[in-house]
Amino acid sequence: MVSIYDVQYLKACATSAMRDAANSRDIIRKVKMETGIEIKVISGDEEASFIYENHIAENLDKAHSYLYIDVGGGSTELTFFNAGKLVFKESFNIGTIRLLKGQVEEKQWVEMKEFLKLNTKGLSDIVAIGSGGNINKVFSLSNAKKGNHYHLNCCGIIIKNSAAFQ
């Protein structure tokens, strides 16, 4: 694909799974040898920063607070905006692959829930925006219609799927 589209610059990043994999160095070395592509393993904070850097805040109504949720295979990144400004970005080791493999403990859910409660205390009308293939798949399986609102049983947050903003 890189040669077909004559890509001039490529940045390859690995996230949660590679951060935790015992053989990540071997995989990175093999990919480099076979493709010439150098992979950088990024932290959860760096991963969450990419969400902020995609300029989503520029398109949000400043009258509301927004919780941007990106669920991946190994982690979930939460990025919170209030009055059009970044308030926090946090990564939790709760992802779909970890869930399917039984690698997420109850205390991790509690930690994420408590983090949200603490950092959104006193705010109302919080809109959650879900992104990524995992959330989009759940949304499509729910038979919900684009633009519908759902109440999340945590901190009074209203969920809107990202498809509603496309």
C-alpha atoms as a PDB file:
ATOM      1  CA  MET A   1       0.000   0.000   0.000  1.00  0.00           C
ATOM      2  CA  VAL A   2       2.836   2.356   0.840  1.00  0.00           C
ATOM      3  CA  SER A   3       4.427   1.934  -2.585  1.00  0.00           C
ATOM      4  CA  ILE A   4       1.100   1.879  -4.462  1.00  0.00           C
ATOM      5  CA  TYR A   5       0.091   5.247  -3.020  1.00  0.00           C
ATOM      6  CA  ASP A   6       3.635   6.644  -3.150  1.00  0.00           C
ATOM      7  CA  VAL A   7       3.610   7.477   0.559  1.00  0.00           C
ATOM      8  CA  GLN A   8       6.415   9.905   1.373  1.00  0.00           C
ATOM      9  CA  TYR A   9       6.226   9.762   5.159  1.00  0.00           C
ATOM     10  CA  LEU A  10       5.035   6.972   7.397  1.00  0.00           C
ATOM     11  CA  LYS A  11       4.771   6.792  11.163  1.00  0.00           C
ATOM     12  CA  ALA A  12       3.963   3.343  12.515  1.00  0.00           C
ATOM     13  CA  CYS A  13       2.821   3.159  16.118  1.00  0.00           C
ATOM     14  CA  ALA A  14       1.952   0.223  18.318  1.00  0.00           C
ATOM     15  CA  THR A  15      -0.318   0.570  21.305  1.00  0.00           C
ATOM     16  CA  SER A  16      -1.562  -1.434  24.271  1.00  0.00           C
ATOM     17  CA  ALA A  17      -0.945  -4.976  23.046  1.00  0.00           C
ATOM     18  CA  MET A  18       2.647  -4.230  22.109  1.00  0.00           C
ATOM     19  CA  ARG A  19       3.248  -2.345  25.350  1.00  0.00           C
ATOM     20  CA  ASP A  20       2.359  -5.496  27.240  1.00  0.00           C
ATOM     21  CA  ALA A  21       3.667  -8.198  24.894  1.00  0.00           C
ATOM     22  CA  ALA A  22       6.687 -10.098  26.192  1.00  0.00           C
ATOM     23  CA  ASN A  23       7.981 -10.481  22.633  1.00  0.00           C
ATOM     24  CA  SER A  24       7.336  -6.917  21.402  1.00  0.00           C
ATOM     25  CA  ARG A  25      11.034  -6.263  20.679  1.00  0.00           C
ATOM     26  CA  ASP A  26      11.213  -9.415  18.552  1.00  0.00           C
ATOM     27  CA  ILE A  27       8.101  -8.424  16.608  1.00  0.00           C
ATOM     28  CA  ILE A  28       9.377  -4.882  16.030  1.00  0.00           C
ATOM     29  CA  ARG A  29      12.746  -6.194  14.855  1.00  0.00           C
ATOM     30  CA  LYS A  30      11.097  -8.711  12.478  1.00  0.00           C
ATOM     31  CA  VAL A  31       8.782  -6.065  10.976  1.00  0.00           C
ATOM     32  CA  LYS A  32      11.776  -3.749  10.462  1.00  0.00           C
ATOM     33  CA  MET A  33      13.804  -6.514   8.784  1.00  0.00           C
ATOM     34  CA  GLU A  34      10.985  -7.655   6.480  1.00  0.00           C
ATOM     35  CA  THR A  35       9.426  -4.298   5.578  1.00  0.00           C
ATOM     36  CA  GLY A  36      11.855  -1.552   6.529  1.00  0.00           C
ATOM     37  CA  ILE A  37       9.128  -0.011   8.683  1.00  0.00           C
ATOM     38  CA  GLU A  38      10.188   1.075  12.136  1.00  0.00           C
ATOM     39  CA  ILE A  39       7.468   0.760  14.768  1.00  0.00           C
ATOM     40  CA  LYS A  40       7.347   3.020  17.798  1.00  0.00           C
ATOM     41  CA  VAL A  41       5.569   1.663  20.857  1.00  0.00           C
ATOM     42  CA  ILE A  42       3.654   4.585  22.324  1.00  0.00           C
ATOM     43  CA  SER A  43       2.339   5.080  25.849  1.00  0.00           C
ATOM     44  CA  GLY A  44      -1.339   5.222  26.735  1.00  0.00           C
ATOM     45  CA  ASP A  45      -0.940   8.959  27.263  1.00  0.00           C
ATOM     46  CA  GLU A  46       0.542   9.399  23.782  1.00  0.00           C
ATOM     47  CA  GLU A  47      -2.278   7.291  22.358  1.00  0.00           C
ATOM     48  CA  ALA A  48      -4.865   9.499  24.063  1.00  0.00           C
ATOM     49  CA  SER A  49      -3.012  12.576  22.775  1.00  0.00           C
ATOM     50  CA  PHE A  50      -3.586  11.496  19.179  1.00  0.00           C
ATOM     51  CA  ILE A  51      -7.311  11.802  19.825  1.00  0.00           C
ATOM     52  CA  TYR A  52      -6.856  15.372  21.032  1.00  0.00           C
ATOM     53  CA  GLU A  53      -4.566  16.172  18.125  1.00  0.00           C
ATOM     54  CA  ASN A  54      -7.208  15.181  15.570  1.00  0.00           C
ATOM     55  CA  HIS A  55      -8.816  18.584  16.299  1.00  0.00           C
ATOM     56  CA  ILE A  56     -12.169  17.160  17.363  1.00  0.00           C
ATOM     57  CA  ALA A  57     -12.592  19.975  19.930  1.00  0.00           C
ATOM     58  CA  GLU A  58     -12.810  22.530  17.127  1.00  0.00           C
ATOM     59  CA  ASN A  59     -16.125  21.018  15.999  1.00  0.00           C
ATOM     60  CA  LEU A  60     -17.793  20.697  19.407  1.00  0.00           C
ATOM     61  CA  ASP A  61     -20.465  22.992  20.802  1.00  0.00           C
ATOM     62  CA  LYS A  62     -18.841  24.972  23.623  1.00  0.00           C
ATOM     63  CA  ALA A  63     -22.091  24.840  25.659  1.00  0.00           C
ATOM     64  CA  HIS A  64     -21.585  21.144  26.449  1.00  0.00           C
ATOM     65  CA  SER A  65     -18.917  18.925  27.900  1.00  0.00           C
ATOM     66  CA  TYR A  66     -17.752  15.983  25.794  1.00  0.00           C
ATOM     67  CA  LEU A  67     -16.229  12.664  26.719  1.00  0.00           C
ATOM     68  CA  TYR A  68     -14.530  11.152  23.678  1.00  0.00           C
ATOM     69  CA  ILE A  69     -14.226   7.368  24.128  1.00  0.00           C
ATOM     70  CA  ASP A  70     -11.976   5.273  21.911  1.00  0.00           C
ATOM     71  CA  VAL A  71     -12.213   1.562  22.677  1.00  0.00           C
ATOM     72  CA  GLY A  72      -9.433  -0.541  21.209  1.00  0.00           C
ATOM     73  CA  GLY A  73      -8.430  -4.140  21.602  1.00  0.00           C
ATOM     74  CA  GLY A  74      -6.167  -3.594  24.581  1.00  0.00           C
ATOM     75  CA  SER A  75      -7.162  -0.247  26.036  1.00  0.00           C
ATOM     76  CA  THR A  76      -9.766   2.487  26.199  1.00  0.00           C
ATOM     77  CA  GLU A  77      -8.759   6.118  25.850  1.00  0.00           C
ATOM     78  CA  LEU A  78     -10.923   8.791  27.446  1.00  0.00           C
ATOM     79  CA  THR A  79     -10.476  12.404  26.368  1.00  0.00           C
ATOM     80  CA  PHE A  80     -12.630  15.027  28.077  1.00  0.00           C
ATOM     81  CA  PHE A  81     -13.427  18.529  26.819  1.00  0.00           C
ATOM     82  CA  ASN A  82     -15.275  21.251  28.704  1.00  0.00           C
ATOM     83  CA  ALA A  83     -16.048  24.674  27.236  1.00  0.00           C
ATOM     84  CA  GLY A  84     -14.033  23.697  24.175  1.00  0.00           C
ATOM     85  CA  LYS A  85     -10.858  22.971  26.153  1.00  0.00           C
ATOM     86  CA  LEU A  86      -9.056  19.756  26.953  1.00  0.00           C
ATOM     87  CA  VAL A  87      -9.565  18.842  30.613  1.00  0.00           C
ATOM     88  CA  PHE A  88      -8.012  15.373  30.690  1.00  0.00           C
ATOM     89  CA  LYS A  89      -6.863  12.450  28.600  1.00  0.00           C
ATOM     90  CA  GLU A  90      -6.466   9.059  30.210  1.00  0.00           C
ATOM     91  CA  SER A  91      -5.847   5.503  29.070  1.00  0.00           C
ATOM     92  CA  PHE A  92      -7.195   2.399  30.814  1.00  0.00           C
ATOM     93  CA  ASN A  93      -6.184  -1.221  30.120  1.00  0.00           C
ATOM     94  CA  ILE A  94      -9.765  -2.155  29.294  1.00  0.00           C
ATOM     95  CA  GLY A  95     -10.157  -3.250  25.680  1.00  0.00           C
ATOM     96  CA  THR A  96     -12.219  -5.757  23.742  1.00  0.00           C
ATOM     97  CA  ILE A  97      -9.483  -8.376  23.385  1.00  0.00           C
ATOM     98  CA  ARG A  98      -8.644  -8.136  27.099  1.00  0.00           C
ATOM     99  CA  LEU A  99     -12.370  -8.499  27.874  1.00  0.00           C
ATOM    100  CA  LEU A 100     -12.744 -11.526  25.613  1.00  0.00           C
ATOM    101  CA  LYS A 101      -9.707 -13.148  27.228  1.00  0.00           C
ATOM    102  CA  GLY A 102     -10.956 -12.433  30.771  1.00  0.00           C
ATOM    103  CA  GLN A 103      -8.015 -10.115  31.487  1.00  0.00           C
ATOM    104  CA  VAL A 104     -10.036  -7.198  32.885  1.00  0.00           C
ATOM    105  CA  GLU A 105     -10.665  -7.277  36.613  1.00  0.00           C
ATOM    106  CA  GLU A 106     -13.537  -5.584  38.427  1.00  0.00           C
ATOM    107  CA  LYS A 107     -11.100  -3.198  40.126  1.00  0.00           C
ATOM    108  CA  GLN A 108     -10.141  -1.792  36.692  1.00  0.00           C
ATOM    109  CA  TRP A 109     -13.782  -0.956  35.956  1.00  0.00           C
ATOM    110  CA  VAL A 110     -14.111   0.641  39.394  1.00  0.00           C
ATOM    111  CA  GLU A 111     -10.916   2.649  38.819  1.00  0.00           C
ATOM    112  CA  MET A 112     -12.212   4.000  35.503  1.00  0.00           C
ATOM    113  CA  LYS A 113     -15.638   4.791  36.935  1.00  0.00           C
ATOM    114  CA  GLU A 114     -14.152   6.570  39.960  1.00  0.00           C
ATOM    115  CA  PHE A 115     -11.766   8.510  37.716  1.00  0.00           C
ATOM    116  CA  LEU A 116     -14.726   9.698  35.635  1.00  0.00           C
ATOM    117  CA  LYS A 117     -16.788  10.637  38.670  1.00  0.00           C
ATOM    118  CA  LEU A 118     -13.935  12.590  40.231  1.00  0.00           C
ATOM    119  CA  ASN A 119     -12.940  14.425  37.060  1.00  0.00           C
ATOM    120  CA  THR A 120     -16.452  15.292  35.868  1.00  0.00           C
ATOM    121  CA  LYS A 121     -17.898  16.185  39.280  1.00  0.00           C
ATOM    122  CA  GLY A 122     -20.321  19.101  39.153  1.00  0.00           C
ATOM    123  CA  LEU A 123     -20.709  18.990  35.375  1.00  0.00           C
ATOM    124  CA  SER A 124     -23.942  18.137  33.632  1.00  0.00           C
ATOM    125  CA  ASP A 125     -24.978  17.713  30.016  1.00  0.00           C
ATOM    126  CA  ILE A 126     -21.923  15.602  29.271  1.00  0.00           C
ATOM    127  CA  VAL A 127     -22.112  14.051  25.831  1.00  0.00           C
ATOM    128  CA  ALA A 128     -20.058  10.923  25.203  1.00  0.00           C
ATOM    129  CA  ILE A 129     -18.801  10.314  21.679  1.00  0.00           C
ATOM    130  CA  GLY A 130     -17.750   6.774  20.873  1.00  0.00           C
ATOM    131  CA  SER A 131     -15.201   6.078  18.172  1.00  0.00           C
ATOM    132  CA  GLY A 132     -13.379   3.181  16.645  1.00  0.00           C
ATOM    133  CA  GLY A 133     -14.413  -0.092  15.096  1.00  0.00           C
ATOM    134  CA  ASN A 134     -15.379  -1.687  18.402  1.00  0.00           C
ATOM    135  CA  ILE A 135     -17.885   0.981  19.400  1.00  0.00           C
ATOM    136  CA  ASN A 136     -19.237   1.226  15.866  1.00  0.00           C
ATOM    137  CA  LYS A 137     -19.804  -2.547  15.828  1.00  0.00           C
ATOM    138  CA  VAL A 138     -21.653  -2.471  19.162  1.00  0.00           C
ATOM    139  CA  PHE A 139     -23.750   0.420  17.865  1.00  0.00           C
ATOM    140  CA  SER A 140     -24.654  -1.452  14.674  1.00  0.00           C
ATOM    141  CA  LEU A 141     -25.515  -4.616  16.637  1.00  0.00           C
ATOM    142  CA  SER A 142     -27.801  -2.596  18.921  1.00  0.00           C
ATOM    143  CA  ASN A 143     -30.152  -1.830  15.997  1.00  0.00           C
ATOM    144  CA  ALA A 144     -30.077   1.782  17.138  1.00  0.00           C
ATOM    145  CA  LYS A 145     -30.716   4.622  14.767  1.00  0.00           C
ATOM    146  CA  LYS A 146     -28.108   7.250  13.987  1.00  0.00           C
ATOM    147  CA  GLY A 147     -28.469  10.261  16.277  1.00  0.00           C
ATOM    148  CA  ASN A 148     -30.288   8.477  19.110  1.00  0.00           C
ATOM    149  CA  HIS A 149     -29.316   9.241  22.690  1.00  0.00           C
ATOM    150  CA  TYR A 150     -28.687   6.669  25.388  1.00  0.00           C
ATOM    151  CA  HIS A 151     -28.181   7.138  29.086  1.00  0.00           C
ATOM    152  CA  LEU A 152     -24.951   5.693  30.392  1.00  0.00           C
ATOM    153  CA  ASN A 153     -25.247   4.392  33.932  1.00  0.00           C
ATOM    154  CA  CYS A 154     -22.204   6.368  35.063  1.00  0.00           C
ATOM    155  CA  CYS A 155     -21.930  10.004  36.025  1.00  0.00           C
ATOM    156  CA  GLY A 156     -25.099  11.055  34.159  1.00  0.00           C
ATOM    157  CA  ILE A 157     -23.350  10.927  30.786  1.00  0.00           C
ATOM    158  CA  ILE A 158     -25.412  10.789  27.593  1.00  0.00           C
ATOM    159  CA  ILE A 159     -23.941   8.593  24.861  1.00  0.00           C
ATOM    160  CA  LYS A 160     -24.030   9.514  21.180  1.00  0.00           C
ATOM    161  CA  ASN A 161     -22.280   7.228  18.738  1.00  0.00           C
ATOM    162  CA  SER A 162     -19.698   8.888  16.501  1.00  0.00           C
ATOM    163  CA  ALA A 163     -21.756   7.940  13.456  1.00  0.00           C
ATOM    164  CA  ALA A 164     -24.248  10.594  14.547  1.00  0.00           C
ATOM    165  CA  PHE A 165     -21.583  13.245  13.911  1.00  0.00           C
ATOM    166  CA  GLN A 166     -20.584  12.052  10.421  1.00  0.00           C
END
